[in-house]
Amino acid sequence: MITVNMDKAKEIHKIKLRDARKPLLETLDVQFTRALETGKDTTEIVKKKQELRDLTSHPSLVNAKTPEELKAFWPEILNG
Protein backbone atom coordinates (compact mmCIF):
# COMPACT_ATOMS: atom_id res chain seq x y z
CA MET A 1 0.00 0.00 0.00
CA ILE A 2 1.28 3.43 -0.94
CA THR A 3 0.87 6.25 1.53
CA VAL A 4 1.26 9.90 0.71
CA ASN A 5 3.17 12.20 3.01
CA MET A 6 0.60 14.99 3.11
CA ASP A 7 2.99 17.51 4.64
CA LYS A 8 5.38 17.02 1.74
CA ALA A 9 2.50 17.03 -0.76
CA LYS A 10 1.23 20.33 0.64
CA GLU A 11 4.68 21.89 0.30
CA ILE A 12 4.89 20.72 -3.32
CA HIS A 13 1.42 22.13 -4.02
CA LYS A 14 2.44 25.45 -2.47
CA ILE A 15 5.40 25.60 -4.85
CA LYS A 16 3.03 25.04 -7.78
CA LEU A 17 0.74 27.80 -6.51
CA ARG A 18 3.68 30.18 -6.12
CA ASP A 19 4.91 29.40 -9.63
CA ALA A 20 1.43 30.03 -11.07
CA ARG A 21 0.90 33.29 -9.19
CA LYS A 22 4.32 34.79 -9.97
CA PRO A 23 3.47 36.20 -13.42
CA LEU A 24 0.13 37.46 -12.11
CA LEU A 25 1.85 39.33 -9.28
CA GLU A 26 4.38 40.76 -11.71
CA THR A 27 1.57 42.07 -13.93
CA LEU A 28 -0.19 43.56 -10.91
CA ASP A 29 3.06 45.22 -9.83
CA VAL A 30 3.25 46.99 -13.18
CA GLN A 31 -0.42 48.01 -12.93
CA PHE A 32 0.17 49.29 -9.40
CA THR A 33 3.14 51.40 -10.46
CA ARG A 34 1.25 52.85 -13.41
CA ALA A 35 -1.73 53.62 -11.19
CA LEU A 36 0.52 55.44 -8.72
CA GLU A 37 2.16 57.41 -11.51
CA THR A 38 -1.19 58.57 -12.86
CA GLY A 39 -2.87 59.12 -9.49
CA LYS A 40 -5.43 56.36 -9.96
CA ASP A 41 -6.92 54.27 -7.17
CA THR A 42 -4.85 51.19 -6.29
CA THR A 43 -7.35 49.54 -3.92
CA GLU A 44 -8.41 46.73 -6.28
CA ILE A 45 -4.85 45.98 -7.32
CA VAL A 46 -3.74 45.74 -3.69
CA LYS A 47 -6.72 43.47 -2.94
CA LYS A 48 -5.86 41.09 -5.81
CA LYS A 49 -2.20 40.97 -4.81
CA GLN A 50 -3.13 40.08 -1.23
CA GLU A 51 -5.55 37.41 -2.43
CA LEU A 52 -2.73 35.84 -4.43
CA ARG A 53 -0.35 36.00 -1.47
CA ASP A 54 -2.91 34.35 0.81
CA LEU A 55 -3.29 31.27 -1.41
CA THR A 56 -0.53 29.33 0.34
CA SER A 57 -2.31 29.63 3.69
CA HIS A 58 -5.84 29.01 2.39
CA PRO A 59 -7.88 26.65 4.62
CA SER A 60 -8.59 24.32 1.70
CA LEU A 61 -4.86 23.78 1.36
CA VAL A 62 -3.95 23.73 5.03
CA ASN A 63 -6.79 21.38 5.99
CA ALA A 64 -6.51 18.97 3.04
CA LYS A 65 -6.46 15.38 4.33
CA THR A 66 -6.10 13.49 1.05
CA PRO A 67 -4.20 14.00 -2.19
CA GLU A 68 -7.55 14.40 -3.96
CA GLU A 69 -8.55 17.27 -1.67
CA LEU A 70 -5.20 18.87 -2.26
CA LYS A 71 -5.42 18.56 -6.05
CA ALA A 72 -8.94 19.98 -5.98
CA PHE A 73 -7.59 23.23 -4.54
CA TRP A 74 -6.70 25.33 -7.56
CA PRO A 75 -8.25 28.79 -7.21
CA GLU A 76 -9.94 30.37 -10.20
CA ILE A 77 -7.78 33.48 -9.80
CA LEU A 78 -4.82 31.45 -11.09
CA ASN A 79 -6.63 30.58 -14.31
CA GLY A 80 -6.22 34.04 -15.69
C-alpha atoms as a PDB file:
ATOM      1  CA  MET A   1       0.000   0.000   0.000  1.00  0.00           C
ATOM      2  CA  ILE A   2       1.280   3.429  -0.936  1.00  0.00           C
ATOM      3  CA  THR A   3       0.869   6.254   1.531  1.00  0.00           C
ATOM      4  CA  VAL A   4       1.259   9.905   0.715  1.00  0.00           C
ATOM      5  CA  ASN A   5       3.172  12.204   3.007  1.00  0.00           C
ATOM      6  CA  MET A   6       0.600  14.993   3.110  1.00  0.00           C
ATOM      7  CA  ASP A   7       2.995  17.515   4.644  1.00  0.00           C
ATOM      8  CA  LYS A   8       5.382  17.021   1.742  1.00  0.00           C
ATOM      9  CA  ALA A   9       2.499  17.028  -0.760  1.00  0.00           C
ATOM     10  CA  LYS A  10       1.230  20.334   0.645  1.00  0.00           C
ATOM     11  CA  GLU A  11       4.683  21.887   0.299  1.00  0.00           C
ATOM     12  CA  ILE A  12       4.890  20.721  -3.317  1.00  0.00           C
ATOM     13  CA  HIS A  13       1.423  22.126  -4.015  1.00  0.00           C
ATOM     14  CA  LYS A  14       2.441  25.448  -2.466  1.00  0.00           C
ATOM     15  CA  ILE A  15       5.397  25.598  -4.853  1.00  0.00           C
ATOM     16  CA  LYS A  16       3.026  25.036  -7.782  1.00  0.00           C
ATOM     17  CA  LEU A  17       0.736  27.799  -6.507  1.00  0.00           C
ATOM     18  CA  ARG A  18       3.683  30.176  -6.118  1.00  0.00           C
ATOM     19  CA  ASP A  19       4.906  29.403  -9.629  1.00  0.00           C
ATOM     20  CA  ALA A  20       1.433  30.027 -11.066  1.00  0.00           C
ATOM     21  CA  ARG A  21       0.899  33.290  -9.187  1.00  0.00           C
ATOM     22  CA  LYS A  22       4.317  34.786  -9.968  1.00  0.00           C
ATOM     23  CA  PRO A  23       3.471  36.196 -13.422  1.00  0.00           C
ATOM     24  CA  LEU A  24       0.133  37.460 -12.112  1.00  0.00           C
ATOM     25  CA  LEU A  25       1.848  39.326  -9.281  1.00  0.00           C
ATOM     26  CA  GLU A  26       4.378  40.764 -11.715  1.00  0.00           C
ATOM     27  CA  THR A  27       1.573  42.073 -13.925  1.00  0.00           C
ATOM     28  CA  LEU A  28      -0.191  43.558 -10.907  1.00  0.00           C
ATOM     29  CA  ASP A  29       3.061  45.222  -9.828  1.00  0.00           C
ATOM     30  CA  VAL A  30       3.247  46.988 -13.181  1.00  0.00           C
ATOM     31  CA  GLN A  31      -0.416  48.010 -12.932  1.00  0.00           C
ATOM     32  CA  PHE A  32       0.173  49.287  -9.402  1.00  0.00           C
ATOM     33  CA  THR A  33       3.144  51.402 -10.460  1.00  0.00           C
ATOM     34  CA  ARG A  34       1.253  52.849 -13.412  1.00  0.00           C
ATOM     35  CA  ALA A  35      -1.732  53.625 -11.188  1.00  0.00           C
ATOM     36  CA  LEU A  36       0.522  55.445  -8.725  1.00  0.00           C
ATOM     37  CA  GLU A  37       2.159  57.410 -11.511  1.00  0.00           C
ATOM     38  CA  THR A  38      -1.192  58.569 -12.856  1.00  0.00           C
ATOM     39  CA  GLY A  39      -2.866  59.118  -9.488  1.00  0.00           C
ATOM     40  CA  LYS A  40      -5.429  56.356  -9.957  1.00  0.00           C
ATOM     41  CA  ASP A  41      -6.925  54.269  -7.169  1.00  0.00           C
ATOM     42  CA  THR A  42      -4.846  51.194  -6.286  1.00  0.00           C
ATOM     43  CA  THR A  43      -7.351  49.537  -3.925  1.00  0.00           C
ATOM     44  CA  GLU A  44      -8.406  46.730  -6.282  1.00  0.00           C
ATOM     45  CA  ILE A  45      -4.852  45.979  -7.319  1.00  0.00           C
ATOM     46  CA  VAL A  46      -3.742  45.736  -3.695  1.00  0.00           C
ATOM     47  CA  LYS A  47      -6.719  43.473  -2.937  1.00  0.00           C
ATOM     48  CA  LYS A  48      -5.857  41.095  -5.813  1.00  0.00           C
ATOM     49  CA  LYS A  49      -2.201  40.975  -4.809  1.00  0.00           C
ATOM     50  CA  GLN A  50      -3.134  40.081  -1.233  1.00  0.00           C
ATOM     51  CA  GLU A  51      -5.546  37.411  -2.431  1.00  0.00           C
ATOM     52  CA  LEU A  52      -2.725  35.841  -4.428  1.00  0.00           C
ATOM     53  CA  ARG A  53      -0.349  36.002  -1.468  1.00  0.00           C
ATOM     54  CA  ASP A  54      -2.910  34.354   0.812  1.00  0.00           C
ATOM     55  CA  LEU A  55      -3.291  31.274  -1.408  1.00  0.00           C
ATOM     56  CA  THR A  56      -0.531  29.331   0.338  1.00  0.00           C
ATOM     57  CA  SER A  57      -2.311  29.625   3.688  1.00  0.00           C
ATOM     58  CA  HIS A  58      -5.839  29.014   2.387  1.00  0.00           C
ATOM     59  CA  PRO A  59      -7.879  26.655   4.624  1.00  0.00           C
ATOM     60  CA  SER A  60      -8.589  24.318   1.698  1.00  0.00           C
ATOM     61  CA  LEU A  61      -4.859  23.777   1.355  1.00  0.00           C
ATOM     62  CA  VAL A  62      -3.949  23.730   5.025  1.00  0.00           C
ATOM     63  CA  ASN A  63      -6.790  21.378   5.991  1.00  0.00           C
ATOM     64  CA  ALA A  64      -6.514  18.967   3.041  1.00  0.00           C
ATOM     65  CA  LYS A  65      -6.459  15.383   4.332  1.00  0.00           C
ATOM     66  CA  THR A  66      -6.101  13.486   1.054  1.00  0.00           C
ATOM     67  CA  PRO A  67      -4.197  13.995  -2.194  1.00  0.00           C
ATOM     68  CA  GLU A  68      -7.549  14.400  -3.963  1.00  0.00           C
ATOM     69  CA  GLU A  69      -8.554  17.269  -1.674  1.00  0.00           C
ATOM     70  CA  LEU A  70      -5.198  18.873  -2.265  1.00  0.00           C
ATOM     71  CA  LYS A  71      -5.423  18.556  -6.052  1.00  0.00           C
ATOM     72  CA  ALA A  72      -8.944  19.983  -5.976  1.00  0.00           C
ATOM     73  CA  PHE A  73      -7.595  23.234  -4.543  1.00  0.00           C
ATOM     74  CA  TRP A  74      -6.696  25.325  -7.564  1.00  0.00           C
ATOM     75  CA  PRO A  75      -8.253  28.793  -7.214  1.00  0.00           C
ATOM     76  CA  GLU A  76      -9.941  30.375 -10.198  1.00  0.00           C
ATOM     77  CA  ILE A  77      -7.775  33.479  -9.804  1.00  0.00           C
ATOM     78  CA  LEU A  78      -4.821  31.449 -11.086  1.00  0.00           C
ATOM     79  CA  ASN A  79      -6.627  30.580 -14.309  1.00  0.00           C
ATOM     80  CA  GLY A  80      -6.216  34.044 -15.688  1.00  0.00           C
END
